[in-house]
Amino acid sequence: MLNDNIHGEAAQVVAIEDTAQHIALAPEDCFPAVFATARMIALMEVAAARAMRPLLGSGQLSVGVSLDVRHTAATPVGSQVRATANYLGTEGKLLRFKVEAFDDAGLIGTGEHTRAVVDTARLLSGAEKRRPLSSSTSKGIQ
């Protein structure tokens, strides 16, 4: 049985590289210079992964399986942001977490995230099998 006090945190200062504007893929992609939702999600995932560290055996890591979040406030460059992950329970082999993100003014995002414990070598082997046979057959986002 898992301890209900499983908790993780992650924090960072928002840099220009963390903004929605910076992650645009093409010049016509117009996004604001505020903390990107994608970066908030990454911070939430790091918090949950940190919460799971004590549960991992040798050769294991945790991976994100699903995430349902709302990004509710814009955060400017230079602000401190922090994400927390609190264990909610287990569904089969998945661990569920309540995730929240904050800046200096308060809550900026909330949601639920599930993670699984996997064997690192097996995960990497499976990913390698998905590699295209030749680089001419692969296409990136355009």
N, C-alpha and C. Protein backbone atom coordinates (compact mmCIF):
# COMPACT_ATOMS: atom_id res chain seq x y z
N MET A 1 0.84 -1.19 0.00
CA MET A 1 0.00 0.00 0.00
C MET A 1 0.88 1.25 0.00
N LEU A 2 0.53 2.22 -0.83
CA LEU A 2 1.32 3.43 -0.94
C LEU A 2 0.92 4.45 0.11
N ASN A 3 1.88 5.23 0.50
CA ASN A 3 1.68 6.31 1.45
C ASN A 3 0.90 7.45 0.79
N ASP A 4 -0.13 7.93 1.40
CA ASP A 4 -0.92 9.03 0.85
C ASP A 4 -0.17 10.36 0.85
N ASN A 5 0.97 10.41 1.51
CA ASN A 5 1.74 11.65 1.59
C ASN A 5 2.78 11.78 0.48
N ILE A 6 2.63 11.05 -0.62
CA ILE A 6 3.56 11.16 -1.74
C ILE A 6 3.37 12.53 -2.38
N HIS A 7 4.45 13.28 -2.45
CA HIS A 7 4.39 14.67 -2.91
C HIS A 7 5.69 15.02 -3.62
N GLY A 8 5.60 15.83 -4.66
CA GLY A 8 6.78 16.31 -5.36
C GLY A 8 6.60 17.76 -5.76
N GLU A 9 7.73 18.44 -5.94
CA GLU A 9 7.71 19.85 -6.37
C GLU A 9 8.82 20.10 -7.38
N ALA A 10 8.61 21.10 -8.19
CA ALA A 10 9.62 21.58 -9.13
C ALA A 10 9.40 23.08 -9.30
N ALA A 11 10.49 23.82 -9.45
CA ALA A 11 10.38 25.28 -9.60
C ALA A 11 11.42 25.78 -10.59
N GLN A 12 11.14 26.92 -11.16
CA GLN A 12 12.06 27.56 -12.09
C GLN A 12 11.68 29.02 -12.24
N VAL A 13 12.60 29.78 -12.80
CA VAL A 13 12.33 31.16 -13.19
C VAL A 13 12.00 31.13 -14.68
N VAL A 14 10.93 31.81 -15.07
CA VAL A 14 10.52 31.83 -16.48
C VAL A 14 11.52 32.63 -17.31
N ALA A 15 12.11 31.94 -18.28
CA ALA A 15 13.04 32.57 -19.23
C ALA A 15 12.32 32.73 -20.57
N ILE A 16 12.88 33.51 -21.46
CA ILE A 16 12.28 33.72 -22.79
C ILE A 16 12.08 32.39 -23.51
N GLU A 17 12.98 31.42 -23.24
CA GLU A 17 12.87 30.10 -23.86
C GLU A 17 11.65 29.32 -23.36
N ASP A 18 11.06 29.76 -22.25
CA ASP A 18 9.89 29.09 -21.67
C ASP A 18 8.58 29.70 -22.13
N THR A 19 8.63 30.67 -23.02
CA THR A 19 7.41 31.36 -23.44
C THR A 19 6.75 30.70 -24.64
N ALA A 20 5.47 30.93 -24.76
CA ALA A 20 4.73 30.45 -25.92
C ALA A 20 5.31 31.04 -27.21
N GLN A 21 5.70 32.29 -27.15
CA GLN A 21 6.30 32.95 -28.31
C GLN A 21 7.54 32.20 -28.79
N HIS A 22 8.35 31.74 -27.87
CA HIS A 22 9.60 31.07 -28.23
C HIS A 22 9.38 29.69 -28.83
N ILE A 23 8.31 29.00 -28.45
CA ILE A 23 8.13 27.65 -28.96
C ILE A 23 7.39 27.60 -30.30
N ALA A 24 7.06 28.76 -30.86
CA ALA A 24 6.44 28.81 -32.18
C ALA A 24 7.35 28.11 -33.19
N LEU A 25 6.76 27.37 -34.11
CA LEU A 25 7.53 26.61 -35.09
C LEU A 25 7.79 27.37 -36.38
N ALA A 26 6.98 28.37 -36.67
CA ALA A 26 7.13 29.13 -37.91
C ALA A 26 6.81 30.59 -37.63
N PRO A 27 7.33 31.51 -38.46
CA PRO A 27 7.08 32.94 -38.22
C PRO A 27 5.60 33.30 -38.15
N GLU A 28 4.75 32.58 -38.88
CA GLU A 28 3.32 32.89 -38.85
C GLU A 28 2.62 32.37 -37.60
N ASP A 29 3.31 31.56 -36.78
CA ASP A 29 2.75 31.13 -35.50
C ASP A 29 2.91 32.28 -34.52
N CYS A 30 1.81 32.89 -34.15
CA CYS A 30 1.85 34.08 -33.31
C CYS A 30 1.36 33.74 -31.90
N PHE A 31 2.30 33.72 -30.95
CA PHE A 31 1.99 33.40 -29.56
C PHE A 31 2.57 34.47 -28.66
N PRO A 32 2.01 34.67 -27.47
CA PRO A 32 2.48 35.73 -26.57
C PRO A 32 3.77 35.34 -25.83
N ALA A 33 4.47 36.34 -25.37
CA ALA A 33 5.72 36.15 -24.62
C ALA A 33 5.41 35.97 -23.13
N VAL A 34 4.63 34.93 -22.82
CA VAL A 34 4.30 34.55 -21.44
C VAL A 34 4.57 33.05 -21.30
N PHE A 35 4.65 32.58 -20.05
CA PHE A 35 4.93 31.18 -19.75
C PHE A 35 4.01 30.28 -20.56
N ALA A 36 4.60 29.40 -21.35
CA ALA A 36 3.85 28.52 -22.25
C ALA A 36 3.15 27.42 -21.47
N THR A 37 1.97 27.06 -21.94
CA THR A 37 1.24 25.94 -21.35
C THR A 37 2.09 24.67 -21.41
N ALA A 38 2.78 24.47 -22.52
CA ALA A 38 3.63 23.28 -22.67
C ALA A 38 4.72 23.24 -21.59
N ARG A 39 5.27 24.38 -21.24
CA ARG A 39 6.31 24.43 -20.20
C ARG A 39 5.69 24.23 -18.81
N MET A 40 4.48 24.73 -18.61
CA MET A 40 3.80 24.49 -17.34
C MET A 40 3.54 23.00 -17.17
N ILE A 41 3.09 22.36 -18.23
CA ILE A 41 2.86 20.92 -18.20
C ILE A 41 4.15 20.18 -17.89
N ALA A 42 5.24 20.58 -18.52
CA ALA A 42 6.54 19.93 -18.25
C ALA A 42 6.92 20.07 -16.78
N LEU A 43 6.70 21.24 -16.21
CA LEU A 43 7.02 21.46 -14.80
C LEU A 43 6.16 20.57 -13.90
N MET A 44 4.88 20.43 -14.26
CA MET A 44 3.98 19.55 -13.50
C MET A 44 4.46 18.09 -13.59
N GLU A 45 4.90 17.67 -14.77
CA GLU A 45 5.40 16.30 -14.94
C GLU A 45 6.65 16.07 -14.11
N VAL A 46 7.54 17.05 -14.08
CA VAL A 46 8.76 16.91 -13.28
C VAL A 46 8.40 16.77 -11.80
N ALA A 47 7.44 17.56 -11.33
CA ALA A 47 7.01 17.47 -9.93
C ALA A 47 6.50 16.07 -9.62
N ALA A 48 5.67 15.51 -10.50
CA ALA A 48 5.12 14.16 -10.28
C ALA A 48 6.22 13.11 -10.37
N ALA A 49 7.14 13.26 -11.30
CA ALA A 49 8.25 12.31 -11.42
C ALA A 49 9.11 12.34 -10.16
N ARG A 50 9.33 13.51 -9.60
CA ARG A 50 10.09 13.62 -8.35
C ARG A 50 9.35 12.94 -7.20
N ALA A 51 8.03 13.04 -7.20
CA ALA A 51 7.26 12.38 -6.15
C ALA A 51 7.43 10.86 -6.23
N MET A 52 7.63 10.34 -7.42
CA MET A 52 7.72 8.90 -7.61
C MET A 52 9.13 8.34 -7.40
N ARG A 53 10.14 9.17 -7.31
CA ARG A 53 11.51 8.68 -7.16
C ARG A 53 11.68 7.59 -6.11
N PRO A 54 11.12 7.75 -4.90
CA PRO A 54 11.32 6.72 -3.88
C PRO A 54 10.67 5.37 -4.22
N LEU A 55 9.79 5.34 -5.19
CA LEU A 55 9.07 4.12 -5.55
C LEU A 55 9.78 3.31 -6.62
N LEU A 56 10.84 3.87 -7.20
CA LEU A 56 11.51 3.25 -8.34
C LEU A 56 12.62 2.31 -7.91
N GLY A 57 12.70 1.18 -8.61
CA GLY A 57 13.78 0.24 -8.40
C GLY A 57 14.92 0.52 -9.38
N SER A 58 15.96 -0.26 -9.28
CA SER A 58 17.10 -0.13 -10.18
C SER A 58 16.64 -0.39 -11.61
N GLY A 59 17.05 0.48 -12.53
CA GLY A 59 16.69 0.32 -13.94
C GLY A 59 15.28 0.75 -14.27
N GLN A 60 14.62 1.43 -13.34
CA GLN A 60 13.25 1.88 -13.59
C GLN A 60 13.20 3.40 -13.63
N LEU A 61 12.18 3.90 -14.30
CA LEU A 61 11.85 5.32 -14.26
C LEU A 61 10.36 5.45 -14.39
N SER A 62 9.86 6.66 -14.19
CA SER A 62 8.41 6.86 -14.36
C SER A 62 8.19 7.66 -15.63
N VAL A 63 7.07 7.37 -16.27
CA VAL A 63 6.71 8.09 -17.49
C VAL A 63 5.29 8.61 -17.38
N GLY A 64 5.06 9.74 -18.01
CA GLY A 64 3.72 10.29 -18.05
C GLY A 64 2.84 9.49 -18.98
N VAL A 65 1.60 9.27 -18.56
CA VAL A 65 0.64 8.51 -19.34
C VAL A 65 -0.51 9.42 -19.81
N SER A 66 -1.00 10.26 -18.90
CA SER A 66 -2.07 11.18 -19.29
C SER A 66 -1.99 12.43 -18.44
N LEU A 67 -2.59 13.48 -18.98
CA LEU A 67 -2.59 14.76 -18.29
C LEU A 67 -3.83 15.53 -18.72
N ASP A 68 -4.56 16.05 -17.75
CA ASP A 68 -5.73 16.87 -18.01
C ASP A 68 -5.57 18.14 -17.17
N VAL A 69 -5.22 19.24 -17.82
CA VAL A 69 -4.94 20.47 -17.08
C VAL A 69 -5.66 21.67 -17.67
N ARG A 70 -5.77 22.68 -16.83
CA ARG A 70 -6.25 24.00 -17.24
C ARG A 70 -5.16 24.99 -16.88
N HIS A 71 -4.81 25.83 -17.85
CA HIS A 71 -3.84 26.91 -17.64
C HIS A 71 -4.69 28.18 -17.50
N THR A 72 -4.71 28.76 -16.30
CA THR A 72 -5.70 29.78 -15.99
C THR A 72 -5.17 31.20 -15.85
N ALA A 73 -3.86 31.39 -15.89
CA ALA A 73 -3.32 32.74 -15.75
C ALA A 73 -1.99 32.86 -16.48
N ALA A 74 -1.76 34.03 -17.05
CA ALA A 74 -0.50 34.30 -17.77
C ALA A 74 0.58 34.73 -16.79
N THR A 75 1.81 34.25 -17.04
CA THR A 75 2.96 34.57 -16.18
C THR A 75 4.06 35.18 -17.04
N PRO A 76 4.57 36.36 -16.66
CA PRO A 76 5.60 37.01 -17.48
C PRO A 76 7.00 36.42 -17.25
N VAL A 77 7.87 36.70 -18.21
CA VAL A 77 9.28 36.33 -18.11
C VAL A 77 9.86 36.95 -16.83
N GLY A 78 10.72 36.19 -16.15
CA GLY A 78 11.37 36.66 -14.94
C GLY A 78 10.67 36.25 -13.66
N SER A 79 9.46 35.73 -13.78
CA SER A 79 8.71 35.29 -12.60
C SER A 79 9.14 33.89 -12.17
N GLN A 80 9.02 33.64 -10.88
CA GLN A 80 9.26 32.31 -10.33
C GLN A 80 7.97 31.51 -10.49
N VAL A 81 8.07 30.29 -11.02
CA VAL A 81 6.92 29.38 -11.11
C VAL A 81 7.26 28.10 -10.37
N ARG A 82 6.22 27.49 -9.80
CA ARG A 82 6.41 26.27 -9.01
C ARG A 82 5.24 25.34 -9.29
N ALA A 83 5.56 24.05 -9.44
CA ALA A 83 4.51 23.05 -9.62
C ALA A 83 4.57 22.05 -8.47
N THR A 84 3.41 21.57 -8.07
CA THR A 84 3.31 20.55 -7.03
C THR A 84 2.52 19.37 -7.58
N ALA A 85 2.84 18.19 -7.06
CA ALA A 85 2.11 16.97 -7.41
C ALA A 85 1.81 16.22 -6.12
N ASN A 86 0.54 15.94 -5.89
CA ASN A 86 0.11 15.23 -4.70
C ASN A 86 -0.62 13.96 -5.11
N TYR A 87 -0.19 12.84 -4.54
CA TYR A 87 -0.74 11.53 -4.84
C TYR A 87 -2.23 11.45 -4.51
N LEU A 88 -3.01 10.98 -5.48
CA LEU A 88 -4.45 10.81 -5.30
C LEU A 88 -4.84 9.35 -5.12
N GLY A 89 -4.10 8.45 -5.73
CA GLY A 89 -4.44 7.04 -5.66
C GLY A 89 -3.88 6.29 -6.85
N THR A 90 -4.15 5.00 -6.87
CA THR A 90 -3.66 4.13 -7.93
C THR A 90 -4.83 3.54 -8.70
N GLU A 91 -4.68 3.48 -10.01
CA GLU A 91 -5.65 2.80 -10.89
C GLU A 91 -4.87 1.76 -11.65
N GLY A 92 -4.98 0.51 -11.24
CA GLY A 92 -4.17 -0.54 -11.86
C GLY A 92 -2.70 -0.27 -11.58
N LYS A 93 -1.94 -0.12 -12.63
CA LYS A 93 -0.50 0.15 -12.48
C LYS A 93 -0.18 1.65 -12.58
N LEU A 94 -1.20 2.47 -12.71
CA LEU A 94 -1.00 3.91 -12.87
C LEU A 94 -1.18 4.64 -11.54
N LEU A 95 -0.31 5.61 -11.30
CA LEU A 95 -0.42 6.46 -10.12
C LEU A 95 -0.99 7.80 -10.55
N ARG A 96 -2.03 8.24 -9.86
CA ARG A 96 -2.72 9.50 -10.17
C ARG A 96 -2.24 10.59 -9.23
N PHE A 97 -2.05 11.79 -9.79
CA PHE A 97 -1.60 12.94 -9.02
C PHE A 97 -2.48 14.15 -9.32
N LYS A 98 -2.75 14.93 -8.28
CA LYS A 98 -3.31 16.27 -8.47
C LYS A 98 -2.10 17.16 -8.71
N VAL A 99 -2.11 17.92 -9.80
CA VAL A 99 -1.00 18.82 -10.11
C VAL A 99 -1.50 20.25 -10.11
N GLU A 100 -0.65 21.13 -9.58
CA GLU A 100 -0.97 22.56 -9.57
C GLU A 100 0.30 23.33 -9.89
N ALA A 101 0.11 24.49 -10.50
CA ALA A 101 1.24 25.38 -10.78
C ALA A 101 0.90 26.77 -10.27
N PHE A 102 1.93 27.44 -9.76
CA PHE A 102 1.77 28.75 -9.14
C PHE A 102 2.86 29.70 -9.62
N ASP A 103 2.54 30.99 -9.67
CA ASP A 103 3.57 32.01 -9.79
C ASP A 103 3.48 32.87 -8.53
N ASP A 104 4.20 33.97 -8.49
CA ASP A 104 4.22 34.80 -7.29
C ASP A 104 2.84 35.36 -6.92
N ALA A 105 1.94 35.46 -7.89
CA ALA A 105 0.62 36.01 -7.64
C ALA A 105 -0.42 34.95 -7.27
N GLY A 106 -0.06 33.66 -7.42
CA GLY A 106 -1.02 32.62 -7.06
C GLY A 106 -1.11 31.51 -8.08
N LEU A 107 -2.24 30.82 -8.06
CA LEU A 107 -2.48 29.65 -8.90
C LEU A 107 -2.54 30.04 -10.38
N ILE A 108 -1.81 29.29 -11.23
CA ILE A 108 -1.85 29.53 -12.68
C ILE A 108 -2.34 28.32 -13.46
N GLY A 109 -2.41 27.16 -12.80
CA GLY A 109 -2.87 25.97 -13.50
C GLY A 109 -3.14 24.83 -12.53
N THR A 110 -4.05 23.97 -12.93
CA THR A 110 -4.41 22.83 -12.09
C THR A 110 -4.88 21.68 -12.97
N GLY A 111 -4.78 20.48 -12.43
CA GLY A 111 -5.25 19.33 -13.19
C GLY A 111 -4.91 18.02 -12.54
N GLU A 112 -5.00 16.96 -13.34
CA GLU A 112 -4.68 15.61 -12.88
C GLU A 112 -3.72 14.96 -13.87
N HIS A 113 -2.77 14.21 -13.33
CA HIS A 113 -1.72 13.59 -14.13
C HIS A 113 -1.54 12.15 -13.67
N THR A 114 -1.40 11.23 -14.62
CA THR A 114 -1.10 9.84 -14.27
C THR A 114 0.26 9.46 -14.82
N ARG A 115 0.97 8.61 -14.04
CA ARG A 115 2.30 8.14 -14.41
C ARG A 115 2.39 6.65 -14.18
N ALA A 116 3.30 6.01 -14.88
CA ALA A 116 3.54 4.58 -14.75
C ALA A 116 5.01 4.34 -14.48
N VAL A 117 5.32 3.27 -13.77
CA VAL A 117 6.69 2.83 -13.57
C VAL A 117 7.03 1.88 -14.71
N VAL A 118 8.16 2.13 -15.38
CA VAL A 118 8.57 1.29 -16.50
C VAL A 118 10.04 0.90 -16.35
N ASP A 119 10.39 -0.19 -17.04
CA ASP A 119 11.78 -0.60 -17.14
C ASP A 119 12.44 0.27 -18.21
N THR A 120 13.51 0.96 -17.85
CA THR A 120 14.15 1.91 -18.77
C THR A 120 14.61 1.24 -20.05
N ALA A 121 15.30 0.11 -19.96
CA ALA A 121 15.82 -0.57 -21.15
C ALA A 121 14.68 -1.00 -22.07
N ARG A 122 13.61 -1.51 -21.49
CA ARG A 122 12.47 -1.95 -22.30
C ARG A 122 11.82 -0.77 -23.01
N LEU A 123 11.68 0.35 -22.31
CA LEU A 123 11.09 1.54 -22.91
C LEU A 123 11.93 2.02 -24.10
N LEU A 124 13.25 2.11 -23.91
CA LEU A 124 14.13 2.58 -24.98
C LEU A 124 14.16 1.62 -26.15
N SER A 125 14.09 0.33 -25.88
CA SER A 125 14.05 -0.67 -26.94
C SER A 125 12.77 -0.52 -27.77
N GLY A 126 11.66 -0.33 -27.10
CA GLY A 126 10.39 -0.13 -27.80
C GLY A 126 10.40 1.13 -28.63
N ALA A 127 10.99 2.20 -28.10
CA ALA A 127 11.07 3.45 -28.85
C ALA A 127 11.94 3.27 -30.09
N GLU A 128 13.03 2.53 -29.95
CA GLU A 128 13.94 2.31 -31.09
C GLU A 128 13.24 1.57 -32.22
N LYS A 129 12.32 0.68 -31.89
CA LYS A 129 11.58 -0.06 -32.92
C LYS A 129 10.67 0.85 -33.73
N ARG A 130 10.39 2.01 -33.22
CA ARG A 130 9.52 2.96 -33.92
C ARG A 130 10.30 3.89 -34.85
N ARG A 131 11.62 3.78 -34.83
CA ARG A 131 12.46 4.64 -35.68
C ARG A 131 12.20 4.31 -37.15
N PRO A 132 12.04 5.33 -37.99
CA PRO A 132 11.85 5.09 -39.43
C PRO A 132 13.07 4.36 -40.02
N LEU A 133 12.81 3.56 -41.03
CA LEU A 133 13.88 2.82 -41.67
C LEU A 133 14.89 3.73 -42.35
N SER A 134 14.42 4.84 -42.91
CA SER A 134 15.34 5.81 -43.50
C SER A 134 14.88 7.20 -43.17
N SER A 135 15.80 8.12 -43.11
CA SER A 135 15.44 9.50 -42.76
C SER A 135 14.59 10.15 -43.84
N SER A 136 14.61 9.63 -45.07
CA SER A 136 13.80 10.22 -46.15
C SER A 136 12.32 9.95 -45.96
N THR A 137 11.98 8.96 -45.12
CA THR A 137 10.55 8.66 -44.93
C THR A 137 9.96 9.41 -43.75
N SER A 138 10.80 10.06 -42.95
CA SER A 138 10.27 10.78 -41.79
C SER A 138 10.03 12.23 -42.11
N LYS A 139 8.97 12.76 -41.54
CA LYS A 139 8.63 14.18 -41.72
C LYS A 139 8.34 14.78 -40.36
N GLY A 140 8.82 15.98 -40.15
CA GLY A 140 8.55 16.69 -38.91
C GLY A 140 7.29 17.52 -39.00
N ILE A 141 6.94 18.18 -37.96
CA ILE A 141 5.80 19.10 -37.97
C ILE A 141 6.15 20.28 -38.85
N GLN A 142 5.22 20.67 -39.65
CA GLN A 142 5.47 21.80 -40.56
C GLN A 142 4.45 22.87 -40.36
